[in-house]
Amino acid sequence: MGIVNVTPDSFSDGGRFVRHEDAVAHGLALVDQGADLVDVGGESTRPGAEPVDEATEVARVVPVVEALASHVRVSVDTTKPEVAAAAVAAGATLVNDVAASLGAVVADLDVGWLAMHRQGDPRTMQQHPTYGDVMAEVTAHLLERAAAARSAGVDEVWIDPGIGFGKTFAHNWELLGALDQLCAHGVPVAVGTSRKLFLGDALAAADASTGVDGPVPADDRLEGSVATAVLAARAGAGMVRVHDVAATVAALGAAGAVIADGSTAVGPDHREGPSWP
């Protein structure tokens, strides 16, 4: 899943693809690099982000979804029912729901649903996130939401542990380390680690010789992003959400021999691998 943020304030590429032409060109470039699906978002969900109104979000995403939908499968990254409906009408066939709140809405829209776990909302989620057992609590929440969506009539359901959404750096690493446990429940799992802050922290610690004070910048987190995407695939994730599609596709291809059970499409031509739902 390649990322197209049509936002001025996303943590990594905010403002780069606000213009319609730039967003569409970027989406098509991601397809050329090997993306099987392009995720279009019109509201930043970075920590501290302020919400945008429904009309603004619709105006940002719908023209881009419409332009890309004839070239690649498109998902819409939103928590708003009205935005989801408008994007589906424009050609999106998956709703990437970071609040895991739109199951019934998606059932009515008759498309796929990706339900992500988060604690709090973007304005509050990184203010002392606390868990007794992060993997157990995230798993229970996601399986409950997935079951409810299935009961409502959603045929395609994905779950996402929400790396960086209401989690400390330690929580993120714990979730990644036990990701195989989440995948073992049989619901397709998607994972997004790309360019996130905990990787910037780890990369700075791994190379103290750089003299960087604090996490390395978002645009310098490629190695950590690719490494954790491969780790997620090795654990059984069926989808990885990334900014750097070409590098991730290449890494997954190179690691194909050790990715356990064909849960992600890898190999010299990734499109010939097992199909995702």
C-alpha atoms as a PDB file:
ATOM      1  CA  MET A   1       0.000   0.000   0.000  1.00  0.00           C
ATOM      2  CA  GLY A   2       1.582   3.217  -1.198  1.00  0.00           C
ATOM      3  CA  ILE A   3       0.758   6.488   0.555  1.00  0.00           C
ATOM      4  CA  VAL A   4      -0.581   9.675  -1.043  1.00  0.00           C
ATOM      5  CA  ASN A   5      -1.187  12.367   1.561  1.00  0.00           C
ATOM      6  CA  VAL A   6      -3.202  15.257   0.124  1.00  0.00           C
ATOM      7  CA  THR A   7      -2.531  17.307   3.249  1.00  0.00           C
ATOM      8  CA  PRO A   8      -0.484  20.353   4.240  1.00  0.00           C
ATOM      9  CA  ASP A   9       0.526  18.935   7.626  1.00  0.00           C
ATOM     10  CA  SER A  10       1.318  15.219   7.488  1.00  0.00           C
ATOM     11  CA  PHE A  11       4.433  14.379   9.493  1.00  0.00           C
ATOM     12  CA  SER A  12       6.582  13.188   6.580  1.00  0.00           C
ATOM     13  CA  ASP A  13       5.367  14.663   3.307  1.00  0.00           C
ATOM     14  CA  GLY A  14       2.858  17.305   4.339  1.00  0.00           C
ATOM     15  CA  GLY A  15       2.390  19.910   1.626  1.00  0.00           C
ATOM     16  CA  ARG A  16       4.238  18.008  -1.115  1.00  0.00           C
ATOM     17  CA  PHE A  17       1.102  16.703  -2.808  1.00  0.00           C
ATOM     18  CA  VAL A  18      -1.558  19.290  -2.019  1.00  0.00           C
ATOM     19  CA  ARG A  19      -1.918  20.194  -5.703  1.00  0.00           C
ATOM     20  CA  HIS A  20      -4.167  17.744  -7.533  1.00  0.00           C
ATOM     21  CA  GLU A  21      -1.673  17.210 -10.339  1.00  0.00           C
ATOM     22  CA  ASP A  22       1.147  16.442  -7.903  1.00  0.00           C
ATOM     23  CA  ALA A  23      -0.945  13.994  -5.899  1.00  0.00           C
ATOM     24  CA  VAL A  24      -2.074  12.080  -8.985  1.00  0.00           C
ATOM     25  CA  ALA A  25       1.424  11.997 -10.443  1.00  0.00           C
ATOM     26  CA  HIS A  26       2.773  10.667  -7.154  1.00  0.00           C
ATOM     27  CA  GLY A  27       0.108   7.986  -6.992  1.00  0.00           C
ATOM     28  CA  LEU A  28       0.885   6.838 -10.519  1.00  0.00           C
ATOM     29  CA  ALA A  29       4.607   6.802  -9.707  1.00  0.00           C
ATOM     30  CA  LEU A  30       3.906   4.533  -6.730  1.00  0.00           C
ATOM     31  CA  VAL A  31       2.026   2.166  -9.044  1.00  0.00           C
ATOM     32  CA  ASP A  32       5.012   2.106 -11.409  1.00  0.00           C
ATOM     33  CA  GLN A  33       7.232   1.288  -8.432  1.00  0.00           C
ATOM     34  CA  GLY A  34       5.111  -1.717  -7.520  1.00  0.00           C
ATOM     35  CA  ALA A  35       2.269  -0.567  -5.280  1.00  0.00           C
ATOM     36  CA  ASP A  36      -0.732  -2.903  -5.435  1.00  0.00           C
ATOM     37  CA  LEU A  37      -2.939  -0.341  -3.724  1.00  0.00           C
ATOM     38  CA  VAL A  38      -2.707   3.427  -3.182  1.00  0.00           C
ATOM     39  CA  ASP A  39      -4.037   4.982   0.029  1.00  0.00           C
ATOM     40  CA  VAL A  40      -5.322   8.554  -0.346  1.00  0.00           C
ATOM     41  CA  GLY A  41      -5.721  10.680   2.772  1.00  0.00           C
ATOM     42  CA  GLY A  42      -6.965  14.232   3.232  1.00  0.00           C
ATOM     43  CA  GLU A  43      -6.583  14.666   6.988  1.00  0.00           C
ATOM     44  CA  SER A  44      -3.325  14.285   8.878  1.00  0.00           C
ATOM     45  CA  THR A  45      -3.385  11.778  11.728  1.00  0.00           C
ATOM     46  CA  ARG A  46       0.082  12.617  13.054  1.00  0.00           C
ATOM     47  CA  PRO A  47       0.338  13.234  16.816  1.00  0.00           C
ATOM     48  CA  GLY A  48      -0.995  16.684  17.623  1.00  0.00           C
ATOM     49  CA  ALA A  49      -2.800  17.152  14.315  1.00  0.00           C
ATOM     50  CA  GLU A  50      -5.974  19.199  14.304  1.00  0.00           C
ATOM     51  CA  PRO A  51      -9.063  17.768  12.567  1.00  0.00           C
ATOM     52  CA  VAL A  52     -10.335  19.185   9.292  1.00  0.00           C
ATOM     53  CA  ASP A  53     -13.947  19.605   8.323  1.00  0.00           C
ATOM     54  CA  GLU A  54     -15.743  17.094   6.142  1.00  0.00           C
ATOM     55  CA  ALA A  55     -16.084  19.375   3.113  1.00  0.00           C
ATOM     56  CA  THR A  56     -12.363  20.152   3.064  1.00  0.00           C
ATOM     57  CA  GLU A  57     -11.431  16.498   3.322  1.00  0.00           C
ATOM     58  CA  VAL A  58     -13.836  15.505   0.535  1.00  0.00           C
ATOM     59  CA  ALA A  59     -12.485  18.255  -1.718  1.00  0.00           C
ATOM     60  CA  ARG A  60      -8.930  17.044  -1.141  1.00  0.00           C
ATOM     61  CA  VAL A  61      -9.388  13.321  -1.676  1.00  0.00           C
ATOM     62  CA  VAL A  62     -12.231  12.720  -4.125  1.00  0.00           C
ATOM     63  CA  PRO A  63     -10.588  14.151  -7.279  1.00  0.00           C
ATOM     64  CA  VAL A  64      -7.406  12.168  -6.546  1.00  0.00           C
ATOM     65  CA  VAL A  65      -9.310   8.939  -5.900  1.00  0.00           C
ATOM     66  CA  GLU A  66     -11.245   9.435  -9.104  1.00  0.00           C
ATOM     67  CA  ALA A  67      -8.091  10.019 -11.146  1.00  0.00           C
ATOM     68  CA  LEU A  68      -6.258   6.990  -9.745  1.00  0.00           C
ATOM     69  CA  ALA A  69      -9.067   4.441  -9.558  1.00  0.00           C
ATOM     70  CA  SER A  70      -8.783   3.408 -13.203  1.00  0.00           C
ATOM     71  CA  HIS A  71      -5.074   2.621 -12.731  1.00  0.00           C
ATOM     72  CA  VAL A  72      -4.857   0.872  -9.357  1.00  0.00           C
ATOM     73  CA  ARG A  73      -6.937  -0.220  -6.411  1.00  0.00           C
ATOM     74  CA  VAL A  74      -7.513   2.818  -4.183  1.00  0.00           C
ATOM     75  CA  SER A  75      -8.233   3.083  -0.487  1.00  0.00           C
ATOM     76  CA  VAL A  76      -9.323   6.185   1.374  1.00  0.00           C
ATOM     77  CA  ASP A  77      -7.759   7.041   4.733  1.00  0.00           C
ATOM     78  CA  THR A  78     -10.575   8.606   6.746  1.00  0.00           C
ATOM     79  CA  THR A  79     -12.657   8.368   9.900  1.00  0.00           C
ATOM     80  CA  LYS A  80     -15.650  10.273   8.511  1.00  0.00           C
ATOM     81  CA  PRO A  81     -18.667   8.399   7.061  1.00  0.00           C
ATOM     82  CA  GLU A  82     -19.388  11.138   4.531  1.00  0.00           C
ATOM     83  CA  VAL A  83     -15.813  11.154   3.238  1.00  0.00           C
ATOM     84  CA  ALA A  84     -15.792   7.368   2.992  1.00  0.00           C
ATOM     85  CA  ALA A  85     -19.030   7.403   0.996  1.00  0.00           C
ATOM     86  CA  ALA A  86     -17.793  10.137  -1.357  1.00  0.00           C
ATOM     87  CA  ALA A  87     -14.496   8.357  -1.960  1.00  0.00           C
ATOM     88  CA  VAL A  88     -16.219   5.032  -2.635  1.00  0.00           C
ATOM     89  CA  ALA A  89     -18.523   6.760  -5.111  1.00  0.00           C
ATOM     90  CA  ALA A  90     -15.361   8.065  -6.817  1.00  0.00           C
ATOM     91  CA  GLY A  91     -13.857   4.578  -7.075  1.00  0.00           C
ATOM     92  CA  ALA A  92     -12.233   3.624  -3.754  1.00  0.00           C
ATOM     93  CA  THR A  93     -12.789  -0.009  -2.762  1.00  0.00           C
ATOM     94  CA  LEU A  94     -11.194  -0.029   0.707  1.00  0.00           C
ATOM     95  CA  VAL A  95     -11.719   2.282   3.688  1.00  0.00           C
ATOM     96  CA  ASN A  96      -8.607   2.696   5.845  1.00  0.00           C
ATOM     97  CA  ASP A  97     -10.195   3.647   9.164  1.00  0.00           C
ATOM     98  CA  VAL A  98      -7.687   4.685  11.824  1.00  0.00           C
ATOM     99  CA  ALA A  99     -10.453   4.929  14.436  1.00  0.00           C
ATOM    100  CA  ALA A 100     -11.908   1.468  13.656  1.00  0.00           C
ATOM    101  CA  SER A 101     -15.348   3.054  13.905  1.00  0.00           C
ATOM    102  CA  LEU A 102     -16.820   2.703  10.408  1.00  0.00           C
ATOM    103  CA  GLY A 103     -17.608  -1.005  10.207  1.00  0.00           C
ATOM    104  CA  ALA A 104     -21.361  -0.556   9.790  1.00  0.00           C
ATOM    105  CA  VAL A 105     -20.854   2.302   7.323  1.00  0.00           C
ATOM    106  CA  VAL A 106     -18.511   0.195   5.213  1.00  0.00           C
ATOM    107  CA  ALA A 107     -21.008  -2.674   5.257  1.00  0.00           C
ATOM    108  CA  ASP A 108     -23.543  -0.364   3.630  1.00  0.00           C
ATOM    109  CA  LEU A 109     -20.951   0.810   1.103  1.00  0.00           C
ATOM    110  CA  ASP A 110     -20.109  -2.810   0.213  1.00  0.00           C
ATOM    111  CA  VAL A 111     -16.332  -2.337   0.105  1.00  0.00           C
ATOM    112  CA  GLY A 112     -13.380  -3.527   2.181  1.00  0.00           C
ATOM    113  CA  TRP A 113     -12.470  -2.192   5.620  1.00  0.00           C
ATOM    114  CA  LEU A 114      -9.119  -1.776   7.334  1.00  0.00           C
ATOM    115  CA  ALA A 115      -9.635  -1.241  11.059  1.00  0.00           C
ATOM    116  CA  MET A 116      -6.715   0.258  12.963  1.00  0.00           C
ATOM    117  CA  HIS A 117      -6.195   0.398  16.713  1.00  0.00           C
ATOM    118  CA  ARG A 118      -5.430   3.688  18.376  1.00  0.00           C
ATOM    119  CA  GLN A 119      -5.667   4.997  21.919  1.00  0.00           C
ATOM    120  CA  GLY A 120      -7.163   8.491  21.993  1.00  0.00           C
ATOM    121  CA  ASP A 121      -7.202  10.768  18.955  1.00  0.00           C
ATOM    122  CA  PRO A 122      -4.372  12.599  17.157  1.00  0.00           C
ATOM    123  CA  ARG A 123      -4.553  15.556  19.551  1.00  0.00           C
ATOM    124  CA  THR A 124      -4.184  13.396  22.673  1.00  0.00           C
ATOM    125  CA  MET A 125      -2.923   9.947  21.700  1.00  0.00           C
ATOM    126  CA  GLN A 126       0.725  10.485  22.611  1.00  0.00           C
ATOM    127  CA  GLN A 127      -0.031  11.978  26.025  1.00  0.00           C
ATOM    128  CA  HIS A 128       1.087   9.134  28.286  1.00  0.00           C
ATOM    129  CA  PRO A 129      -0.366   6.093  26.459  1.00  0.00           C
ATOM    130  CA  THR A 130      -0.767   3.270  28.960  1.00  0.00           C
ATOM    131  CA  TYR A 131      -1.527  -0.437  28.687  1.00  0.00           C
ATOM    132  CA  GLY A 132      -1.460  -3.389  31.022  1.00  0.00           C
ATOM    133  CA  ASP A 133      -0.579  -5.759  28.164  1.00  0.00           C
ATOM    134  CA  VAL A 134      -0.357  -3.863  24.885  1.00  0.00           C
ATOM    135  CA  MET A 135      -0.548  -6.865  22.555  1.00  0.00           C
ATOM    136  CA  ALA A 136      -3.449  -8.468  24.437  1.00  0.00           C
ATOM    137  CA  GLU A 137      -5.441  -5.237  24.550  1.00  0.00           C
ATOM    138  CA  VAL A 138      -4.797  -4.298  20.934  1.00  0.00           C
ATOM    139  CA  THR A 139      -5.657  -7.823  19.780  1.00  0.00           C
ATOM    140  CA  ALA A 140      -8.899  -7.987  21.762  1.00  0.00           C
ATOM    141  CA  HIS A 141     -10.035  -4.614  20.445  1.00  0.00           C
ATOM    142  CA  LEU A 142      -9.281  -5.430  16.826  1.00  0.00           C
ATOM    143  CA  LEU A 143     -10.824  -8.897  16.879  1.00  0.00           C
ATOM    144  CA  GLU A 144     -13.998  -7.469  18.417  1.00  0.00           C
ATOM    145  CA  ARG A 145     -14.223  -4.808  15.714  1.00  0.00           C
ATOM    146  CA  ALA A 146     -13.489  -7.339  12.982  1.00  0.00           C
ATOM    147  CA  ALA A 147     -16.178  -9.711  14.234  1.00  0.00           C
ATOM    148  CA  ALA A 148     -18.726  -6.906  14.425  1.00  0.00           C
ATOM    149  CA  ALA A 149     -17.922  -5.823  10.872  1.00  0.00           C
ATOM    150  CA  ARG A 150     -18.248  -9.368   9.586  1.00  0.00           C
ATOM    151  CA  SER A 151     -21.610  -9.668  11.306  1.00  0.00           C
ATOM    152  CA  ALA A 152     -22.703  -6.396   9.698  1.00  0.00           C
ATOM    153  CA  GLY A 153     -21.863  -7.817   6.283  1.00  0.00           C
ATOM    154  CA  VAL A 154     -18.318  -6.636   5.493  1.00  0.00           C
ATOM    155  CA  ASP A 155     -16.688  -9.368   3.422  1.00  0.00           C
ATOM    156  CA  GLU A 156     -13.130  -8.008   3.369  1.00  0.00           C
ATOM    157  CA  VAL A 157     -11.771  -7.045   6.785  1.00  0.00           C
ATOM    158  CA  TRP A 158      -8.193  -6.123   7.650  1.00  0.00           C
ATOM    159  CA  ILE A 159      -6.799  -5.222  11.070  1.00  0.00           C
ATOM    160  CA  ASP A 160      -3.855  -2.950  11.891  1.00  0.00           C
ATOM    161  CA  PRO A 161      -2.196  -2.723  15.331  1.00  0.00           C
ATOM    162  CA  GLY A 162      -1.688   1.021  14.903  1.00  0.00           C
ATOM    163  CA  ILE A 163       2.046   1.437  15.358  1.00  0.00           C
ATOM    164  CA  GLY A 164       2.630   4.950  16.710  1.00  0.00           C
ATOM    165  CA  PHE A 165      -1.029   5.662  17.412  1.00  0.00           C
ATOM    166  CA  GLY A 166      -1.332   6.003  21.162  1.00  0.00           C
ATOM    167  CA  LYS A 167       1.793   3.935  21.829  1.00  0.00           C
ATOM    168  CA  THR A 168       5.208   4.624  23.295  1.00  0.00           C
ATOM    169  CA  PHE A 169       8.335   3.576  21.416  1.00  0.00           C
ATOM    170  CA  ALA A 170       8.484   0.502  23.688  1.00  0.00           C
ATOM    171  CA  HIS A 171       4.863  -0.375  22.870  1.00  0.00           C
ATOM    172  CA  ASN A 172       5.648  -0.159  19.145  1.00  0.00           C
ATOM    173  CA  TRP A 173       8.587  -2.543  19.412  1.00  0.00           C
ATOM    174  CA  GLU A 174       6.596  -4.921  21.607  1.00  0.00           C
ATOM    175  CA  LEU A 175       3.788  -5.030  19.030  1.00  0.00           C
ATOM    176  CA  LEU A 176       6.237  -5.675  16.201  1.00  0.00           C
ATOM    177  CA  GLY A 177       8.016  -8.356  18.203  1.00  0.00           C
ATOM    178  CA  ALA A 178       4.774 -10.223  18.858  1.00  0.00           C
ATOM    179  CA  LEU A 179       3.090  -9.502  15.531  1.00  0.00           C
ATOM    180  CA  ASP A 180       2.954 -13.188  14.649  1.00  0.00           C
ATOM    181  CA  GLN A 181       0.492 -13.630  17.531  1.00  0.00           C
ATOM    182  CA  LEU A 182      -1.906 -11.119  15.984  1.00  0.00           C
ATOM    183  CA  CYS A 183      -1.519 -12.708  12.552  1.00  0.00           C
ATOM    184  CA  ALA A 184      -2.244 -16.150  13.991  1.00  0.00           C
ATOM    185  CA  HIS A 185      -5.908 -15.246  14.549  1.00  0.00           C
ATOM    186  CA  GLY A 186      -6.604 -15.540  10.832  1.00  0.00           C
ATOM    187  CA  VAL A 187      -7.794 -11.993  10.112  1.00  0.00           C
ATOM    188  CA  PRO A 188      -5.579 -10.343   7.449  1.00  0.00           C
ATOM    189  CA  VAL A 189      -3.154  -7.929   9.093  1.00  0.00           C
ATOM    190  CA  ALA A 190      -1.824  -4.640   7.731  1.00  0.00           C
ATOM    191  CA  VAL A 191       1.106  -2.802   9.303  1.00  0.00           C
ATOM    192  CA  GLY A 192       2.317   0.773   8.903  1.00  0.00           C
ATOM    193  CA  THR A 193       5.708   1.731  10.329  1.00  0.00           C
ATOM    194  CA  SER A 194       6.954   3.892   7.478  1.00  0.00           C
ATOM    195  CA  ARG A 195       9.103   6.861   8.557  1.00  0.00           C
ATOM    196  CA  LYS A 196       7.586   6.935  12.055  1.00  0.00           C
ATOM    197  CA  LEU A 197       9.255   8.636  14.987  1.00  0.00           C
ATOM    198  CA  PHE A 198      10.242   5.483  16.866  1.00  0.00           C
ATOM    199  CA  LEU A 199      12.341   4.491  13.843  1.00  0.00           C
ATOM    200  CA  GLY A 200      14.035   7.890  13.875  1.00  0.00           C
ATOM    201  CA  ASP A 201      14.909   7.289  17.516  1.00  0.00           C
ATOM    202  CA  ALA A 202      16.261   3.799  16.836  1.00  0.00           C
ATOM    203  CA  LEU A 203      18.300   4.933  13.833  1.00  0.00           C
ATOM    204  CA  ALA A 204      19.853   7.781  15.830  1.00  0.00           C
ATOM    205  CA  ALA A 205      20.781   5.361  18.607  1.00  0.00           C
ATOM    206  CA  ALA A 206      22.221   2.883  16.097  1.00  0.00           C
ATOM    207  CA  ASP A 207      24.564   5.478  14.607  1.00  0.00           C
ATOM    208  CA  ALA A 208      25.561   7.835  17.377  1.00  0.00           C
ATOM    209  CA  SER A 209      28.520   8.942  15.259  1.00  0.00           C
ATOM    210  CA  THR A 210      26.201  11.181  13.234  1.00  0.00           C
ATOM    211  CA  GLY A 211      25.986  13.595  16.123  1.00  0.00           C
ATOM    212  CA  VAL A 212      22.236  13.939  15.579  1.00  0.00           C
ATOM    213  CA  ASP A 213      20.508  15.370  18.644  1.00  0.00           C
ATOM    214  CA  GLY A 214      17.305  13.341  18.898  1.00  0.00           C
ATOM    215  CA  PRO A 215      15.561  11.197  16.265  1.00  0.00           C
ATOM    216  CA  VAL A 216      16.788  11.418  12.689  1.00  0.00           C
ATOM    217  CA  PRO A 217      14.423  13.369  10.400  1.00  0.00           C
ATOM    218  CA  ALA A 218      11.434  11.670   8.780  1.00  0.00           C
ATOM    219  CA  ASP A 219      13.000  11.727   5.327  1.00  0.00           C
ATOM    220  CA  ASP A 220      16.070   9.860   6.639  1.00  0.00           C
ATOM    221  CA  ARG A 221      14.299   6.801   8.045  1.00  0.00           C
ATOM    222  CA  LEU A 222      14.342   4.598   4.966  1.00  0.00           C
ATOM    223  CA  GLU A 223      16.436   1.775   6.418  1.00  0.00           C
ATOM    224  CA  GLY A 224      14.241   1.402   9.486  1.00  0.00           C
ATOM    225  CA  SER A 225      11.069   1.643   7.433  1.00  0.00           C
ATOM    226  CA  VAL A 226      12.140  -1.080   5.021  1.00  0.00           C
ATOM    227  CA  ALA A 227      13.530  -3.331   7.750  1.00  0.00           C
ATOM    228  CA  THR A 228      10.330  -3.215   9.769  1.00  0.00           C
ATOM    229  CA  ALA A 229       8.200  -3.806   6.668  1.00  0.00           C
ATOM    230  CA  VAL A 230      10.167  -7.001   6.033  1.00  0.00           C
ATOM    231  CA  LEU A 231       9.839  -7.975   9.705  1.00  0.00           C
ATOM    232  CA  ALA A 232       6.071  -7.471   9.470  1.00  0.00           C
ATOM    233  CA  ALA A 233       5.837  -9.617   6.347  1.00  0.00           C
ATOM    234  CA  ARG A 234       7.976 -12.300   8.002  1.00  0.00           C
ATOM    235  CA  ALA A 235       5.549 -12.324  10.943  1.00  0.00           C
ATOM    236  CA  GLY A 236       2.606 -12.922   8.600  1.00  0.00           C
ATOM    237  CA  ALA A 237       1.290  -9.457   7.721  1.00  0.00           C
ATOM    238  CA  GLY A 238      -0.454  -9.410   4.353  1.00  0.00           C
ATOM    239  CA  MET A 239      -0.082  -5.688   3.695  1.00  0.00           C
ATOM    240  CA  VAL A 240       2.483  -3.012   4.516  1.00  0.00           C
ATOM    241  CA  ARG A 241       1.638   0.680   4.212  1.00  0.00           C
ATOM    242  CA  VAL A 242       4.710   2.594   3.022  1.00  0.00           C
ATOM    243  CA  HIS A 243       6.002   5.841   1.600  1.00  0.00           C
ATOM    244  CA  ASP A 244       8.990   4.240  -0.141  1.00  0.00           C
ATOM    245  CA  VAL A 245       7.377   1.666  -2.410  1.00  0.00           C
ATOM    246  CA  ALA A 246      10.293   0.809  -4.693  1.00  0.00           C
ATOM    247  CA  ALA A 247      12.711   0.105  -1.847  1.00  0.00           C
ATOM    248  CA  THR A 248      10.133  -1.920   0.051  1.00  0.00           C
ATOM    249  CA  VAL A 249       9.183  -4.017  -2.980  1.00  0.00           C
ATOM    250  CA  ALA A 250      12.873  -4.732  -3.615  1.00  0.00           C
ATOM    251  CA  ALA A 251      13.490  -5.696   0.001  1.00  0.00           C
ATOM    252  CA  LEU A 252      10.459  -7.979   0.122  1.00  0.00           C
ATOM    253  CA  GLY A 253      11.628  -9.624  -3.083  1.00  0.00           C
ATOM    254  CA  ALA A 254      15.105 -10.157  -1.690  1.00  0.00           C
ATOM    255  CA  ALA A 255      13.691 -11.589   1.534  1.00  0.00           C
ATOM    256  CA  GLY A 256      11.151 -13.786  -0.219  1.00  0.00           C
ATOM    257  CA  ALA A 257      12.948 -17.015   0.598  1.00  0.00           C
ATOM    258  CA  VAL A 258      12.632 -16.456   4.348  1.00  0.00           C
ATOM    259  CA  ILE A 259       9.121 -15.046   4.499  1.00  0.00           C
ATOM    260  CA  ALA A 260       7.340 -17.950   6.020  1.00  0.00           C
ATOM    261  CA  ASP A 261       4.070 -18.828   4.364  1.00  0.00           C
ATOM    262  CA  GLY A 262       3.367 -16.657   1.357  1.00  0.00           C
ATOM    263  CA  SER A 263       1.322 -14.197   3.418  1.00  0.00           C
ATOM    264  CA  THR A 264       2.704 -11.357   1.347  1.00  0.00           C
ATOM    265  CA  ALA A 265       3.369 -11.224  -2.368  1.00  0.00           C
ATOM    266  CA  VAL A 266       7.118 -11.425  -2.934  1.00  0.00           C
ATOM    267  CA  GLY A 267       9.585 -12.638  -5.514  1.00  0.00           C
ATOM    268  CA  PRO A 268      11.316 -11.330  -8.647  1.00  0.00           C
ATOM    269  CA  ASP A 269       7.948 -10.092  -9.893  1.00  0.00           C
ATOM    270  CA  HIS A 270       5.903  -9.333  -6.780  1.00  0.00           C
ATOM    271  CA  ARG A 271       2.676  -9.287  -8.811  1.00  0.00           C
ATOM    272  CA  GLU A 272       3.045 -13.017  -9.444  1.00  0.00           C
ATOM    273  CA  GLY A 273       2.986 -13.833  -5.742  1.00  0.00           C
ATOM    274  CA  PRO A 274      -0.060 -14.918  -3.729  1.00  0.00           C
ATOM    275  CA  SER A 275      -2.962 -12.514  -4.043  1.00  0.00           C
ATOM    276  CA  TRP A 276      -4.040 -10.392  -1.114  1.00  0.00           C
ATOM    277  CA  PRO A 277      -7.767 -10.324  -0.279  1.00  0.00           C
END
